Each structure stands twice: as C-alpha cells, then as structure tokens.
Amino acid sequence: MSDVIAKVISQKGTCAAQHKVGDEFVIGQQTPPNLCSWAFYSLFPFAQVLQFGGSFPWEKDRNKATVACPDPTNPVVFELRRTLP
C-alpha cells in the first residue's frame, strides 16, 4: 500500500480550518492532525484508490488526483499524490 500526500494547491475565501496553499498532510485511515474533517471525508475515497494502486481516467498523471473540499463559498483544492515505494 502506498502513502498518499494531500497538498493544498488553491484556497479561496476564508477557510474555517485556516488551510493555506502549501499545507501538506499524510492521508491514512484516520483524519490527520490539523486537517479539517470535512476535507478529509472528501479526500478519503480518492486517497484509497491511489493507496491501492488505482488511478482516475481524467487525470494526466496516474499517481495524482485533484479534489476540492465541500465548502462552495471558501473552496480549498488539494492535490493527492501517491508516493512510490
């Protein structure tokens, strides 16, 4: 199983969790410290696919996925990156 790193690549408005561009989190089976739980719930299904070797046909790089948090007024966009063993 690969590790997945979530990196904030865009943040508009005012994030209640104070996430900012450049923040990184290791995604595992539990919400990482300081990561908004709403964002984690959005990221987790995509991270699981990457952790177990899957990919998404709409992504150019099979080791990445781009996912936004569910706040439409203050969206935080994350890049998920599978680390290769």
C-alpha atoms as a PDB file:
ATOM      1  CA  MET A   1       0.000   0.000   0.000  1.00  0.00           C
ATOM      2  CA  SER A   2       1.360   3.425  -0.988  1.00  0.00           C
ATOM      3  CA  ASP A   3       1.285   6.562   1.112  1.00  0.00           C
ATOM      4  CA  VAL A   4      -0.743   9.494  -0.187  1.00  0.00           C
ATOM      5  CA  ILE A   5       0.186  13.109   0.459  1.00  0.00           C
ATOM      6  CA  ALA A   6      -2.529  15.778   0.259  1.00  0.00           C
ATOM      7  CA  LYS A   7      -1.187  19.231  -0.604  1.00  0.00           C
ATOM      8  CA  VAL A   8      -3.260  22.411  -0.676  1.00  0.00           C
ATOM      9  CA  ILE A   9      -2.833  23.892  -4.156  1.00  0.00           C
ATOM     10  CA  SER A  10      -5.578  26.528  -4.040  1.00  0.00           C
ATOM     11  CA  GLN A  11      -7.603  28.273  -1.336  1.00  0.00           C
ATOM     12  CA  LYS A  12     -10.205  30.981  -1.931  1.00  0.00           C
ATOM     13  CA  GLY A  13     -12.180  32.942   0.624  1.00  0.00           C
ATOM     14  CA  THR A  14     -11.673  32.226   4.303  1.00  0.00           C
ATOM     15  CA  CYS A  15     -11.071  28.607   5.259  1.00  0.00           C
ATOM     16  CA  ALA A  16     -12.541  27.901   8.703  1.00  0.00           C
ATOM     17  CA  ALA A  17      -9.691  25.432   9.340  1.00  0.00           C
ATOM     18  CA  GLN A  18      -7.135  28.032   8.192  1.00  0.00           C
ATOM     19  CA  HIS A  19      -5.681  25.804   5.471  1.00  0.00           C
ATOM     20  CA  LYS A  20      -3.371  27.632   3.097  1.00  0.00           C
ATOM     21  CA  VAL A  21      -1.532  26.870  -0.122  1.00  0.00           C
ATOM     22  CA  GLY A  22       1.444  24.627   0.582  1.00  0.00           C
ATOM     23  CA  ASP A  23      -0.026  22.790   3.591  1.00  0.00           C
ATOM     24  CA  GLU A  24       0.606  19.026   3.362  1.00  0.00           C
ATOM     25  CA  PHE A  25      -0.978  16.055   5.132  1.00  0.00           C
ATOM     26  CA  VAL A  26      -0.289  12.321   5.017  1.00  0.00           C
ATOM     27  CA  ILE A  27      -3.596  10.555   4.383  1.00  0.00           C
ATOM     28  CA  GLY A  28      -4.114   7.269   6.189  1.00  0.00           C
ATOM     29  CA  GLN A  29      -7.081   5.603   7.870  1.00  0.00           C
ATOM     30  CA  GLN A  30      -7.716   8.445  10.347  1.00  0.00           C
ATOM     31  CA  THR A  31      -8.064  12.197   9.969  1.00  0.00           C
ATOM     32  CA  PRO A  32      -4.547  13.678  10.100  1.00  0.00           C
ATOM     33  CA  PRO A  33      -3.886  16.249  12.834  1.00  0.00           C
ATOM     34  CA  ASN A  34      -4.960  19.760  11.803  1.00  0.00           C
ATOM     35  CA  LEU A  35      -6.789  18.611   8.653  1.00  0.00           C
ATOM     36  CA  CYS A  36     -10.433  19.688   8.504  1.00  0.00           C
ATOM     37  CA  SER A  37     -12.584  16.592   8.935  1.00  0.00           C
ATOM     38  CA  TRP A  38     -14.919  17.745   6.124  1.00  0.00           C
ATOM     39  CA  ALA A  39     -11.958  17.936   3.765  1.00  0.00           C
ATOM     40  CA  PHE A  40     -10.746  14.518   4.956  1.00  0.00           C
ATOM     41  CA  TYR A  41     -14.148  12.962   4.217  1.00  0.00           C
ATOM     42  CA  SER A  42     -13.939  14.366   0.683  1.00  0.00           C
ATOM     43  CA  LEU A  43     -10.338  13.262   0.126  1.00  0.00           C
ATOM     44  CA  PHE A  44     -10.519   9.802   1.673  1.00  0.00           C
ATOM     45  CA  PRO A  45     -12.255   7.882  -1.171  1.00  0.00           C
ATOM     46  CA  PHE A  46      -9.787   9.262  -3.718  1.00  0.00           C
ATOM     47  CA  ALA A  47      -6.822   8.570  -1.424  1.00  0.00           C
ATOM     48  CA  GLN A  48      -7.951   4.956  -1.003  1.00  0.00           C
ATOM     49  CA  VAL A  49      -7.949   4.424  -4.763  1.00  0.00           C
ATOM     50  CA  LEU A  50      -4.405   5.796  -5.007  1.00  0.00           C
ATOM     51  CA  GLN A  51      -3.207   3.863  -1.934  1.00  0.00           C
ATOM     52  CA  PHE A  52      -4.227   0.568  -3.501  1.00  0.00           C
ATOM     53  CA  GLY A  53      -2.762   1.185  -6.942  1.00  0.00           C
ATOM     54  CA  GLY A  54      -5.764   2.624  -8.760  1.00  0.00           C
ATOM     55  CA  SER A  55      -5.981   5.771 -10.835  1.00  0.00           C
ATOM     56  CA  PHE A  56      -8.521   8.131 -12.367  1.00  0.00           C
ATOM     57  CA  PRO A  57      -9.029   8.279 -16.145  1.00  0.00           C
ATOM     58  CA  TRP A  58      -9.483  12.078 -16.155  1.00  0.00           C
ATOM     59  CA  GLU A  59      -6.087  12.723 -14.534  1.00  0.00           C
ATOM     60  CA  LYS A  60      -2.998  13.068 -16.757  1.00  0.00           C
ATOM     61  CA  ASP A  61      -0.735  11.601 -14.048  1.00  0.00           C
ATOM     62  CA  ARG A  62      -1.927   8.233 -12.748  1.00  0.00           C
ATOM     63  CA  ASN A  63      -0.244   8.965  -9.387  1.00  0.00           C
ATOM     64  CA  LYS A  64      -2.275  12.122  -8.689  1.00  0.00           C
ATOM     65  CA  ALA A  65      -5.827  13.318  -8.151  1.00  0.00           C
ATOM     66  CA  THR A  66      -7.225  16.807  -7.613  1.00  0.00           C
ATOM     67  CA  VAL A  67     -10.054  17.095  -5.075  1.00  0.00           C
ATOM     68  CA  ALA A  68     -11.864  20.082  -3.526  1.00  0.00           C
ATOM     69  CA  CYS A  69     -13.319  20.365  -0.056  1.00  0.00           C
ATOM     70  CA  PRO A  70     -17.132  20.606   0.058  1.00  0.00           C
ATOM     71  CA  ASP A  71     -17.319  24.313   1.037  1.00  0.00           C
ATOM     72  CA  PRO A  72     -18.550  26.058  -2.152  1.00  0.00           C
ATOM     73  CA  THR A  73     -18.036  29.555  -0.721  1.00  0.00           C
ATOM     74  CA  ASN A  74     -14.461  29.032   0.528  1.00  0.00           C
ATOM     75  CA  PRO A  75     -13.091  26.135  -1.521  1.00  0.00           C
ATOM     76  CA  VAL A  76      -9.787  24.516  -0.682  1.00  0.00           C
ATOM     77  CA  VAL A  77      -8.365  22.396  -3.505  1.00  0.00           C
ATOM     78  CA  PHE A  78      -5.976  19.554  -2.735  1.00  0.00           C
ATOM     79  CA  GLU A  79      -3.611  17.598  -4.927  1.00  0.00           C
ATOM     80  CA  LEU A  80      -3.364  13.992  -3.799  1.00  0.00           C
ATOM     81  CA  ARG A  81      -0.070  12.372  -4.721  1.00  0.00           C
ATOM     82  CA  ARG A  82       0.756   8.688  -4.379  1.00  0.00           C
ATOM     83  CA  THR A  83       4.294   8.127  -3.113  1.00  0.00           C
ATOM     84  CA  LEU A  84       6.012   5.362  -4.962  1.00  0.00           C
ATOM     85  CA  PRO A  85       7.664   2.616  -2.909  1.00  0.00           C
END
